[in-house]
Amino acid sequence: MGAARAACHEMTALADLVHRLAVLLDPADGNAALLSTWITSVQAEDLPHLHAFTRGLEKDRAAVDAALSLPHHNGGTEGANNKTRLIKPQMDGRASFPLLRRRILLG
């Protein structure tokens, strides 16, 4: 991967920008301001797909700022939903709802 980054300026810029964005994904107080700086850096580069991504971030900026700065998340709920979606096809046609419920609660 180092050779690809060295051969192409866009690849180097993209890797740097993605790394800087990944650092912001750990919620902290100053991340909203750092995101503004990151968006400015993206707009200075010739990377149209990232420009589209930043436009999407700007459309719902309040939610993005909250996600990057607050420690709250709905990961537990999403995990339970995902587990249920995985178990349902396995149980389809095999047993009734009480057995599916028991498997979800105990599994």
PDB file of N, CA and C in Angstrom:
ATOM      1  N   MET A   1       0.823  -1.181   0.000  1.00  0.00           N
ATOM      2  CA  MET A   1       0.000   0.000   0.000  1.00  0.00           C
ATOM      3  C   MET A   1       0.871   1.250   0.000  1.00  0.00           C
ATOM      4  N   GLY A   2       2.011   1.208   0.585  1.00  0.00           N
ATOM      5  CA  GLY A   2       2.908   2.348   0.597  1.00  0.00           C
ATOM      6  C   GLY A   2       3.318   2.770  -0.793  1.00  0.00           C
ATOM      7  N   ALA A   3       3.519   1.804  -1.699  1.00  0.00           N
ATOM      8  CA  ALA A   3       3.886   2.124  -3.076  1.00  0.00           C
ATOM      9  C   ALA A   3       2.747   2.840  -3.785  1.00  0.00           C
ATOM     10  N   ALA A   4       1.514   2.417  -3.530  1.00  0.00           N
ATOM     11  CA  ALA A   4       0.357   3.073  -4.152  1.00  0.00           C
ATOM     12  C   ALA A   4       0.220   4.501  -3.651  1.00  0.00           C
ATOM     13  N   ARG A   5       0.443   4.705  -2.371  1.00  0.00           N
ATOM     14  CA  ARG A   5       0.357   6.055  -1.818  1.00  0.00           C
ATOM     15  C   ARG A   5       1.446   6.960  -2.399  1.00  0.00           C
ATOM     16  N   ALA A   6       2.643   6.407  -2.578  1.00  0.00           N
ATOM     17  CA  ALA A   6       3.752   7.205  -3.097  1.00  0.00           C
ATOM     18  C   ALA A   6       3.561   7.536  -4.576  1.00  0.00           C
ATOM     19  N   ALA A   7       2.892   6.673  -5.311  1.00  0.00           N
ATOM     20  CA  ALA A   7       2.736   6.865  -6.755  1.00  0.00           C
ATOM     21  C   ALA A   7       1.635   7.859  -7.109  1.00  0.00           C
ATOM     22  N   CYS A   8       0.736   8.122  -6.195  1.00  0.00           N
ATOM     23  CA  CYS A   8      -0.437   8.927  -6.530  1.00  0.00           C
ATOM     24  C   CYS A   8      -0.706   9.942  -5.420  1.00  0.00           C
ATOM     25  N   HIS A   9      -0.688  11.225  -5.769  1.00  0.00           N
ATOM     26  CA  HIS A   9      -0.955  12.281  -4.789  1.00  0.00           C
ATOM     27  C   HIS A   9      -2.358  12.146  -4.202  1.00  0.00           C
ATOM     28  N   GLU A  10      -3.337  11.813  -5.044  1.00  0.00           N
ATOM     29  CA  GLU A  10      -4.709  11.678  -4.561  1.00  0.00           C
ATOM     30  C   GLU A  10      -4.825  10.571  -3.526  1.00  0.00           C
ATOM     31  N   MET A  11      -4.099   9.461  -3.749  1.00  0.00           N
ATOM     32  CA  MET A  11      -4.139   8.352  -2.798  1.00  0.00           C
ATOM     33  C   MET A  11      -3.531   8.772  -1.461  1.00  0.00           C
ATOM     34  N   THR A  12      -2.446   9.515  -1.517  1.00  0.00           N
ATOM     35  CA  THR A  12      -1.810   9.990  -0.296  1.00  0.00           C
ATOM     36  C   THR A  12      -2.736  10.938   0.455  1.00  0.00           C
ATOM     37  N   ALA A  13      -3.348  11.868  -0.265  1.00  0.00           N
ATOM     38  CA  ALA A  13      -4.270  12.817   0.351  1.00  0.00           C
ATOM     39  C   ALA A  13      -5.474  12.095   0.937  1.00  0.00           C
ATOM     40  N   LEU A  14      -6.024  11.129   0.199  1.00  0.00           N
ATOM     41  CA  LEU A  14      -7.175  10.375   0.672  1.00  0.00           C
ATOM     42  C   LEU A  14      -6.830   9.607   1.947  1.00  0.00           C
ATOM     43  N   ALA A  15      -5.699   8.929   1.960  1.00  0.00           N
ATOM     44  CA  ALA A  15      -5.298   8.161   3.142  1.00  0.00           C
ATOM     45  C   ALA A  15      -5.135   9.080   4.349  1.00  0.00           C
ATOM     46  N   ASP A  16      -4.533  10.241   4.145  1.00  0.00           N
ATOM     47  CA  ASP A  16      -4.350  11.188   5.247  1.00  0.00           C
ATOM     48  C   ASP A  16      -5.696  11.692   5.764  1.00  0.00           C
ATOM     49  N   LEU A  17      -6.599  12.046   4.861  1.00  0.00           N
ATOM     50  CA  LEU A  17      -7.903  12.561   5.272  1.00  0.00           C
ATOM     51  C   LEU A  17      -8.736  11.502   5.977  1.00  0.00           C
ATOM     52  N   VAL A  18      -8.699  10.279   5.492  1.00  0.00           N
ATOM     53  CA  VAL A  18      -9.456   9.203   6.136  1.00  0.00           C
ATOM     54  C   VAL A  18      -8.891   8.934   7.533  1.00  0.00           C
ATOM     55  N   HIS A  19      -7.576   8.959   7.662  1.00  0.00           N
ATOM     56  CA  HIS A  19      -6.962   8.753   8.978  1.00  0.00           C
ATOM     57  C   HIS A  19      -7.373   9.867   9.946  1.00  0.00           C
ATOM     58  N   ARG A  20      -7.374  11.106   9.464  1.00  0.00           N
ATOM     59  CA  ARG A  20      -7.766  12.223  10.327  1.00  0.00           C
ATOM     60  C   ARG A  20      -9.235  12.152  10.716  1.00  0.00           C
ATOM     61  N   LEU A  21     -10.088  11.659   9.822  1.00  0.00           N
ATOM     62  CA  LEU A  21     -11.497  11.492  10.158  1.00  0.00           C
ATOM     63  C   LEU A  21     -11.677  10.369  11.171  1.00  0.00           C
ATOM     64  N   ALA A  22     -10.924   9.292  11.028  1.00  0.00           N
ATOM     65  CA  ALA A  22     -11.032   8.166  11.956  1.00  0.00           C
ATOM     66  C   ALA A  22     -10.705   8.595  13.382  1.00  0.00           C
ATOM     67  N   VAL A  23      -9.769   9.514  13.535  1.00  0.00           N
ATOM     68  CA  VAL A  23      -9.418  10.014  14.866  1.00  0.00           C
ATOM     69  C   VAL A  23     -10.611  10.735  15.496  1.00  0.00           C
ATOM     70  N   LEU A  24     -11.419  11.395  14.673  1.00  0.00           N
ATOM     71  CA  LEU A  24     -12.579  12.131  15.184  1.00  0.00           C
ATOM     72  C   LEU A  24     -13.712  11.224  15.635  1.00  0.00           C
ATOM     73  N   LEU A  25     -13.682   9.967  15.259  1.00  0.00           N
ATOM     74  CA  LEU A  25     -14.780   9.061  15.600  1.00  0.00           C
ATOM     75  C   LEU A  25     -14.800   8.673  17.069  1.00  0.00           C
ATOM     76  N   ASP A  26     -13.755   8.968  17.805  1.00  0.00           N
ATOM     77  CA  ASP A  26     -13.741   8.758  19.246  1.00  0.00           C
ATOM     78  C   ASP A  26     -14.331  10.017  19.881  1.00  0.00           C
ATOM     79  N   PRO A  27     -15.541   9.955  20.465  1.00  0.00           N
ATOM     80  CA  PRO A  27     -16.216  11.167  20.937  1.00  0.00           C
ATOM     81  C   PRO A  27     -15.378  11.972  21.928  1.00  0.00           C
ATOM     82  N   ALA A  28     -15.260  13.280  21.653  1.00  0.00           N
ATOM     83  CA  ALA A  28     -14.563  14.214  22.533  1.00  0.00           C
ATOM     84  C   ALA A  28     -15.165  15.602  22.328  1.00  0.00           C
ATOM     85  N   ASP A  29     -14.934  16.494  23.279  1.00  0.00           N
ATOM     86  CA  ASP A  29     -15.568  17.813  23.256  1.00  0.00           C
ATOM     87  C   ASP A  29     -15.200  18.658  22.041  1.00  0.00           C
ATOM     88  N   GLY A  30     -13.961  18.680  21.613  1.00  0.00           N
ATOM     89  CA  GLY A  30     -13.542  19.566  20.537  1.00  0.00           C
ATOM     90  C   GLY A  30     -13.717  19.027  19.135  1.00  0.00           C
ATOM     91  N   ASN A  31     -14.356  17.877  18.991  1.00  0.00           N
ATOM     92  CA  ASN A  31     -14.442  17.240  17.673  1.00  0.00           C
ATOM     93  C   ASN A  31     -15.278  18.017  16.659  1.00  0.00           C
ATOM     94  N   ALA A  32     -16.248  18.796  17.105  1.00  0.00           N
ATOM     95  CA  ALA A  32     -17.068  19.564  16.160  1.00  0.00           C
ATOM     96  C   ALA A  32     -16.211  20.608  15.444  1.00  0.00           C
ATOM     97  N   ALA A  33     -15.346  21.272  16.180  1.00  0.00           N
ATOM     98  CA  ALA A  33     -14.453  22.259  15.558  1.00  0.00           C
ATOM     99  C   ALA A  33     -13.431  21.571  14.668  1.00  0.00           C
ATOM    100  N   LEU A  34     -12.923  20.422  15.114  1.00  0.00           N
ATOM    101  CA  LEU A  34     -11.959  19.675  14.301  1.00  0.00           C
ATOM    102  C   LEU A  34     -12.600  19.172  13.013  1.00  0.00           C
ATOM    103  N   LEU A  35     -13.891  18.844  13.072  1.00  0.00           N
ATOM    104  CA  LEU A  35     -14.594  18.417  11.862  1.00  0.00           C
ATOM    105  C   LEU A  35     -14.676  19.560  10.852  1.00  0.00           C
ATOM    106  N   SER A  36     -14.907  20.764  11.329  1.00  0.00           N
ATOM    107  CA  SER A  36     -14.930  21.919  10.419  1.00  0.00           C
ATOM    108  C   SER A  36     -13.583  22.080   9.725  1.00  0.00           C
ATOM    109  N   THR A  37     -12.511  21.913  10.478  1.00  0.00           N
ATOM    110  CA  THR A  37     -11.172  21.993   9.898  1.00  0.00           C
ATOM    111  C   THR A  37     -10.962  20.871   8.888  1.00  0.00           C
ATOM    112  N   TRP A  38     -11.440  19.676   9.209  1.00  0.00           N
ATOM    113  CA  TRP A  38     -11.307  18.529   8.309  1.00  0.00           C
ATOM    114  C   TRP A  38     -12.070  18.776   7.008  1.00  0.00           C
ATOM    115  N   ILE A  39     -13.278  19.317   7.116  1.00  0.00           N
ATOM    116  CA  ILE A  39     -14.089  19.590   5.926  1.00  0.00           C
ATOM    117  C   ILE A  39     -13.390  20.625   5.045  1.00  0.00           C
ATOM    118  N   THR A  40     -12.789  21.630   5.650  1.00  0.00           N
ATOM    119  CA  THR A  40     -12.041  22.629   4.882  1.00  0.00           C
ATOM    120  C   THR A  40     -10.868  21.976   4.158  1.00  0.00           C
ATOM    121  N   SER A  41     -10.184  21.053   4.824  1.00  0.00           N
ATOM    122  CA  SER A  41      -9.070  20.334   4.194  1.00  0.00           C
ATOM    123  C   SER A  41      -9.551  19.493   3.017  1.00  0.00           C
ATOM    124  N   VAL A  42     -10.702  18.858   3.167  1.00  0.00           N
ATOM    125  CA  VAL A  42     -11.256  18.034   2.081  1.00  0.00           C
ATOM    126  C   VAL A  42     -11.590  18.906   0.883  1.00  0.00           C
ATOM    127  N   GLN A  43     -12.187  20.054   1.125  1.00  0.00           N
ATOM    128  CA  GLN A  43     -12.585  20.932   0.024  1.00  0.00           C
ATOM    129  C   GLN A  43     -11.377  21.497  -0.714  1.00  0.00           C
ATOM    130  N   ALA A  44     -10.222  21.537  -0.064  1.00  0.00           N
ATOM    131  CA  ALA A  44      -9.007  22.027  -0.714  1.00  0.00           C
ATOM    132  C   ALA A  44      -8.401  20.981  -1.645  1.00  0.00           C
ATOM    133  N   GLU A  45      -8.768  19.717  -1.482  1.00  0.00           N
ATOM    134  CA  GLU A  45      -8.237  18.637  -2.318  1.00  0.00           C
ATOM    135  C   GLU A  45      -9.147  18.386  -3.518  1.00  0.00           C
ATOM    136  N   ASP A  46      -8.612  17.734  -4.545  1.00  0.00           N
ATOM    137  CA  ASP A  46      -9.383  17.389  -5.738  1.00  0.00           C
ATOM    138  C   ASP A  46      -9.885  15.951  -5.619  1.00  0.00           C
ATOM    139  N   LEU A  47     -10.800  15.741  -4.655  1.00  0.00           N
ATOM    140  CA  LEU A  47     -11.370  14.415  -4.409  1.00  0.00           C
ATOM    141  C   LEU A  47     -12.897  14.540  -4.413  1.00  0.00           C
ATOM    142  N   PRO A  48     -13.527  14.435  -5.600  1.00  0.00           N
ATOM    143  CA  PRO A  48     -14.964  14.699  -5.714  1.00  0.00           C
ATOM    144  C   PRO A  48     -15.849  13.817  -4.827  1.00  0.00           C
ATOM    145  N   HIS A  49     -15.462  12.562  -4.609  1.00  0.00           N
ATOM    146  CA  HIS A  49     -16.294  11.694  -3.781  1.00  0.00           C
ATOM    147  C   HIS A  49     -16.291  12.160  -2.334  1.00  0.00           C
ATOM    148  N   LEU A  50     -15.170  12.635  -1.853  1.00  0.00           N
ATOM    149  CA  LEU A  50     -15.133  13.178  -0.495  1.00  0.00           C
ATOM    150  C   LEU A  50     -15.875  14.502  -0.415  1.00  0.00           C
ATOM    151  N   HIS A  51     -15.894  15.272  -1.500  1.00  0.00           N
ATOM    152  CA  HIS A  51     -16.674  16.506  -1.507  1.00  0.00           C
ATOM    153  C   HIS A  51     -18.155  16.173  -1.318  1.00  0.00           C
ATOM    154  N   ALA A  52     -18.627  15.139  -1.998  1.00  0.00           N
ATOM    155  CA  ALA A  52     -20.019  14.714  -1.847  1.00  0.00           C
ATOM    156  C   ALA A  52     -20.280  14.239  -0.422  1.00  0.00           C
ATOM    157  N   PHE A  53     -19.328  13.532   0.162  1.00  0.00           N
ATOM    158  CA  PHE A  53     -19.464  13.064   1.542  1.00  0.00           C
ATOM    159  C   PHE A  53     -19.576  14.244   2.503  1.00  0.00           C
ATOM    160  N   THR A  54     -18.750  15.266   2.321  1.00  0.00           N
ATOM    161  CA  THR A  54     -18.795  16.425   3.215  1.00  0.00           C
ATOM    162  C   THR A  54     -20.093  17.212   3.043  1.00  0.00           C
ATOM    163  N   ARG A  55     -20.624  17.250   1.816  1.00  0.00           N
ATOM    164  CA  ARG A  55     -21.929  17.913   1.631  1.00  0.00           C
ATOM    165  C   ARG A  55     -23.004  17.177   2.423  1.00  0.00           C
ATOM    166  N   GLY A  56     -22.933  15.856   2.444  1.00  0.00           N
ATOM    167  CA  GLY A  56     -23.880  15.082   3.241  1.00  0.00           C
ATOM    168  C   GLY A  56     -23.723  15.340   4.738  1.00  0.00           C
ATOM    169  N   LEU A  57     -22.478  15.475   5.195  1.00  0.00           N
ATOM    170  CA  LEU A  57     -22.243  15.797   6.605  1.00  0.00           C
ATOM    171  C   LEU A  57     -22.835  17.154   6.954  1.00  0.00           C
ATOM    172  N   GLU A  58     -22.674  18.122   6.064  1.00  0.00           N
ATOM    173  CA  GLU A  58     -23.171  19.473   6.319  1.00  0.00           C
ATOM    174  C   GLU A  58     -24.697  19.532   6.360  1.00  0.00           C
ATOM    175  N   LYS A  59     -25.368  18.649   5.618  1.00  0.00           N
ATOM    176  CA  LYS A  59     -26.834  18.656   5.598  1.00  0.00           C
ATOM    177  C   LYS A  59     -27.417  18.351   6.969  1.00  0.00           C
ATOM    178  N   ASP A  60     -26.755  17.510   7.739  1.00  0.00           N
ATOM    179  CA  ASP A  60     -27.244  17.155   9.076  1.00  0.00           C
ATOM    180  C   ASP A  60     -26.142  17.399  10.097  1.00  0.00           C
ATOM    181  N   ARG A  61     -25.604  18.595  10.075  1.00  0.00           N
ATOM    182  CA  ARG A  61     -24.422  18.922  10.871  1.00  0.00           C
ATOM    183  C   ARG A  61     -24.669  18.786  12.371  1.00  0.00           C
ATOM    184  N   ALA A  62     -25.863  19.137  12.847  1.00  0.00           N
ATOM    185  CA  ALA A  62     -26.138  19.038  14.282  1.00  0.00           C
ATOM    186  C   ALA A  62     -26.026  17.597  14.760  1.00  0.00           C
ATOM    187  N   ALA A  63     -26.561  16.661  13.997  1.00  0.00           N
ATOM    188  CA  ALA A  63     -26.490  15.246  14.382  1.00  0.00           C
ATOM    189  C   ALA A  63     -25.058  14.730  14.307  1.00  0.00           C
ATOM    190  N   VAL A  64     -24.315  15.154  13.304  1.00  0.00           N
ATOM    191  CA  VAL A  64     -22.923  14.725  13.161  1.00  0.00           C
ATOM    192  C   VAL A  64     -22.088  15.256  14.319  1.00  0.00           C
ATOM    193  N   ASP A  65     -22.279  16.525  14.670  1.00  0.00           N
ATOM    194  CA  ASP A  65     -21.548  17.097  15.797  1.00  0.00           C
ATOM    195  C   ASP A  65     -21.868  16.363  17.092  1.00  0.00           C
ATOM    196  N   ALA A  66     -23.140  16.030  17.292  1.00  0.00           N
ATOM    197  CA  ALA A  66     -23.529  15.299  18.489  1.00  0.00           C
ATOM    198  C   ALA A  66     -22.884  13.910  18.518  1.00  0.00           C
ATOM    199  N   ALA A  67     -22.854  13.247  17.382  1.00  0.00           N
ATOM    200  CA  ALA A  67     -22.261  11.903  17.325  1.00  0.00           C
ATOM    201  C   ALA A  67     -20.765  11.937  17.598  1.00  0.00           C
ATOM    202  N   LEU A  68     -20.093  13.007  17.183  1.00  0.00           N
ATOM    203  CA  LEU A  68     -18.644  13.090  17.370  1.00  0.00           C
ATOM    204  C   LEU A  68     -18.240  13.639  18.730  1.00  0.00           C
ATOM    205  N   SER A  69     -19.191  14.231  19.462  1.00  0.00           N
ATOM    206  CA  SER A  69     -18.812  14.848  20.725  1.00  0.00           C
ATOM    207  C   SER A  69     -19.484  14.241  21.949  1.00  0.00           C
ATOM    208  N   LEU A  70     -20.602  13.554  21.786  1.00  0.00           N
ATOM    209  CA  LEU A  70     -21.305  12.984  22.935  1.00  0.00           C
ATOM    210  C   LEU A  70     -21.016  11.488  23.068  1.00  0.00           C
ATOM    211  N   PRO A  71     -20.951  10.988  24.294  1.00  0.00           N
ATOM    212  CA  PRO A  71     -20.632   9.564  24.487  1.00  0.00           C
ATOM    213  C   PRO A  71     -21.826   8.623  24.297  1.00  0.00           C
ATOM    214  N   HIS A  72     -23.014   9.176  24.042  1.00  0.00           N
ATOM    215  CA  HIS A  72     -24.212   8.344  23.929  1.00  0.00           C
ATOM    216  C   HIS A  72     -24.315   7.715  22.544  1.00  0.00           C
ATOM    217  N   HIS A  73     -24.816   6.483  22.492  1.00  0.00           N
ATOM    218  CA  HIS A  73     -25.023   5.810  21.219  1.00  0.00           C
ATOM    219  C   HIS A  73     -26.090   4.738  21.387  1.00  0.00           C
ATOM    220  N   ASN A  74     -26.570   4.204  20.297  1.00  0.00           N
ATOM    221  CA  ASN A  74     -27.597   3.170  20.344  1.00  0.00           C
ATOM    222  C   ASN A  74     -27.040   1.818  19.890  1.00  0.00           C
ATOM    223  N   GLY A  75     -25.783   1.579  20.180  1.00  0.00           N
ATOM    224  CA  GLY A  75     -25.138   0.337  19.760  1.00  0.00           C
ATOM    225  C   GLY A  75     -25.782  -0.908  20.337  1.00  0.00           C
ATOM    226  N   GLY A  76     -26.238  -0.848  21.585  1.00  0.00           N
ATOM    227  CA  GLY A  76     -26.894  -2.003  22.197  1.00  0.00           C
ATOM    228  C   GLY A  76     -28.172  -2.376  21.484  1.00  0.00           C
ATOM    229  N   THR A  77     -28.965  -1.382  21.151  1.00  0.00           N
ATOM    230  CA  THR A  77     -30.217  -1.626  20.436  1.00  0.00           C
ATOM    231  C   THR A  77     -29.943  -2.191  19.051  1.00  0.00           C
ATOM    232  N   GLU A  78     -28.979  -1.608  18.351  1.00  0.00           N
ATOM    233  CA  GLU A  78     -28.641  -2.100  17.020  1.00  0.00           C
ATOM    234  C   GLU A  78     -28.110  -3.526  17.079  1.00  0.00           C
ATOM    235  N   GLY A  79     -27.335  -3.843  18.108  1.00  0.00           N
ATOM    236  CA  GLY A  79     -26.821  -5.199  18.263  1.00  0.00           C
ATOM    237  C   GLY A  79     -27.942  -6.211  18.476  1.00  0.00           C
ATOM    238  N   ALA A  80     -28.921  -5.842  19.311  1.00  0.00           N
ATOM    239  CA  ALA A  80     -30.066  -6.735  19.559  1.00  0.00           C
ATOM    240  C   ALA A  80     -30.876  -6.933  18.281  1.00  0.00           C
ATOM    241  N   ASN A  81     -31.079  -5.853  17.524  1.00  0.00           N
ATOM    242  CA  ASN A  81     -31.818  -5.971  16.258  1.00  0.00           C
ATOM    243  C   ASN A  81     -31.077  -6.866  15.269  1.00  0.00           C
ATOM    244  N   ASN A  82     -29.770  -6.708  15.191  1.00  0.00           N
ATOM    245  CA  ASN A  82     -28.974  -7.514  14.272  1.00  0.00           C
ATOM    246  C   ASN A  82     -29.022  -8.995  14.666  1.00  0.00           C
ATOM    247  N   LYS A  83     -28.920  -9.268  15.959  1.00  0.00           N
ATOM    248  CA  LYS A  83     -28.979 -10.652  16.431  1.00  0.00           C
ATOM    249  C   LYS A  83     -30.329 -11.283  16.088  1.00  0.00           C
ATOM    250  N   THR A  84     -31.403 -10.508  16.257  1.00  0.00           N
ATOM    251  CA  THR A  84     -32.738 -11.017  15.931  1.00  0.00           C
ATOM    252  C   THR A  84     -32.860 -11.307  14.442  1.00  0.00           C
ATOM    253  N   ARG A  85     -32.311 -10.426  13.600  1.00  0.00           N
ATOM    254  CA  ARG A  85     -32.361 -10.648  12.155  1.00  0.00           C
ATOM    255  C   ARG A  85     -31.573 -11.884  11.737  1.00  0.00           C
ATOM    256  N   LEU A  86     -30.520 -12.208  12.471  1.00  0.00           N
ATOM    257  CA  LEU A  86     -29.740 -13.404  12.151  1.00  0.00           C
ATOM    258  C   LEU A  86     -30.442 -14.682  12.606  1.00  0.00           C
ATOM    259  N   ILE A  87     -31.118 -14.630  13.735  1.00  0.00           N
ATOM    260  CA  ILE A  87     -31.762 -15.829  14.292  1.00  0.00           C
ATOM    261  C   ILE A  87     -33.065 -16.161  13.567  1.00  0.00           C
ATOM    262  N   LYS A  88     -33.830 -15.151  13.164  1.00  0.00           N
ATOM    263  CA  LYS A  88     -35.138 -15.405  12.547  1.00  0.00           C
ATOM    264  C   LYS A  88     -35.085 -16.349  11.349  1.00  0.00           C
ATOM    265  N   PRO A  89     -34.200 -16.168  10.375  1.00  0.00           N
ATOM    266  CA  PRO A  89     -34.182 -17.117   9.252  1.00  0.00           C
ATOM    267  C   PRO A  89     -33.791 -18.533   9.668  1.00  0.00           C
ATOM    268  N   GLN A  90     -32.969 -18.661  10.689  1.00  0.00           N
ATOM    269  CA  GLN A  90     -32.575 -19.989  11.164  1.00  0.00           C
ATOM    270  C   GLN A  90     -33.756 -20.728  11.777  1.00  0.00           C
ATOM    271  N   MET A  91     -34.660 -19.991  12.391  1.00  0.00           N
ATOM    272  CA  MET A  91     -35.796 -20.605  13.074  1.00  0.00           C
ATOM    273  C   MET A  91     -37.038 -20.711  12.187  1.00  0.00           C
ATOM    274  N   ASP A  92     -37.002 -20.143  11.009  1.00  0.00           N
ATOM    275  CA  ASP A  92     -38.175 -20.096  10.139  1.00  0.00           C
ATOM    276  C   ASP A  92     -38.683 -21.496   9.822  1.00  0.00           C
ATOM    277  N   GLY A  93     -39.938 -21.735  10.143  1.00  0.00           N
ATOM    278  CA  GLY A  93     -40.570 -23.011   9.850  1.00  0.00           C
ATOM    279  C   GLY A  93     -40.224 -24.119  10.828  1.00  0.00           C
ATOM    280  N   ARG A  94     -39.410 -23.889  11.798  1.00  0.00           N
ATOM    281  CA  ARG A  94     -38.993 -24.943  12.724  1.00  0.00           C
ATOM    282  C   ARG A  94     -39.799 -24.971  14.008  1.00  0.00           C
ATOM    283  N   ALA A  95     -40.171 -23.801  14.484  1.00  0.00           N
ATOM    284  CA  ALA A  95     -40.832 -23.777  15.776  1.00  0.00           C
ATOM    285  C   ALA A  95     -41.699 -22.533  15.879  1.00  0.00           C
ATOM    286  N   SER A  96     -42.364 -22.431  16.987  1.00  0.00           N
ATOM    287  CA  SER A  96     -43.290 -21.323  17.190  1.00  0.00           C
ATOM    288  C   SER A  96     -42.573 -20.095  17.771  1.00  0.00           C
ATOM    289  N   PHE A  97     -43.337 -19.045  17.951  1.00  0.00           N
ATOM    290  CA  PHE A  97     -42.791 -17.809  18.482  1.00  0.00           C
ATOM    291  C   PHE A  97     -42.173 -17.977  19.869  1.00  0.00           C
ATOM    292  N   PRO A  98     -42.781 -18.751  20.791  1.00  0.00           N
ATOM    293  CA  PRO A  98     -42.153 -18.880  22.116  1.00  0.00           C
ATOM    294  C   PRO A  98     -40.718 -19.432  22.065  1.00  0.00           C
ATOM    295  N   LEU A  99     -40.449 -20.365  21.158  1.00  0.00           N
ATOM    296  CA  LEU A  99     -39.098 -20.894  21.053  1.00  0.00           C
ATOM    297  C   LEU A  99     -38.147 -19.856  20.456  1.00  0.00           C
ATOM    298  N   LEU A 100     -38.632 -19.105  19.484  1.00  0.00           N
ATOM    299  CA  LEU A 100     -37.811 -18.027  18.913  1.00  0.00           C
ATOM    300  C   LEU A 100     -37.511 -16.991  19.992  1.00  0.00           C
ATOM    301  N   ARG A 101     -38.496 -16.644  20.789  1.00  0.00           N
ATOM    302  CA  ARG A 101     -38.300 -15.675  21.874  1.00  0.00           C
ATOM    303  C   ARG A 101     -37.276 -16.179  22.874  1.00  0.00           C
ATOM    304  N   ARG A 102     -37.390 -17.440  23.244  1.00  0.00           N
ATOM    305  CA  ARG A 102     -36.443 -18.024  24.196  1.00  0.00           C
ATOM    306  C   ARG A 102     -35.028 -18.025  23.641  1.00  0.00           C
ATOM    307  N   ARG A 103     -34.898 -18.345  22.371  1.00  0.00           N
ATOM    308  CA  ARG A 103     -33.559 -18.378  21.769  1.00  0.00           C
ATOM    309  C   ARG A 103     -32.931 -16.980  21.715  1.00  0.00           C
ATOM    310  N   ILE A 104     -33.759 -15.975  21.424  1.00  0.00           N
ATOM    311  CA  ILE A 104     -33.244 -14.598  21.394  1.00  0.00           C
ATOM    312  C   ILE A 104     -32.839 -14.147  22.788  1.00  0.00           C
ATOM    313  N   LEU A 105     -33.660 -14.446  23.790  1.00  0.00           N
ATOM    314  CA  LEU A 105     -33.354 -13.989  25.149  1.00  0.00           C
ATOM    315  C   LEU A 105     -32.179 -14.733  25.770  1.00  0.00           C
ATOM    316  N   LEU A 106     -32.011 -16.002  25.463  1.00  0.00           N
ATOM    317  CA  LEU A 106     -30.934 -16.782  26.080  1.00  0.00           C
ATOM    318  C   LEU A 106     -29.641 -16.783  25.258  1.00  0.00           C
ATOM    319  N   GLY A 107     -29.752 -16.503  23.980  1.00  0.00           N
ATOM    320  CA  GLY A 107     -28.589 -16.577  23.112  1.00  0.00           C
ATOM    321  C   GLY A 107     -27.765 -15.365  23.171  1.00  0.00           C
TER     322      GLY A 107
END
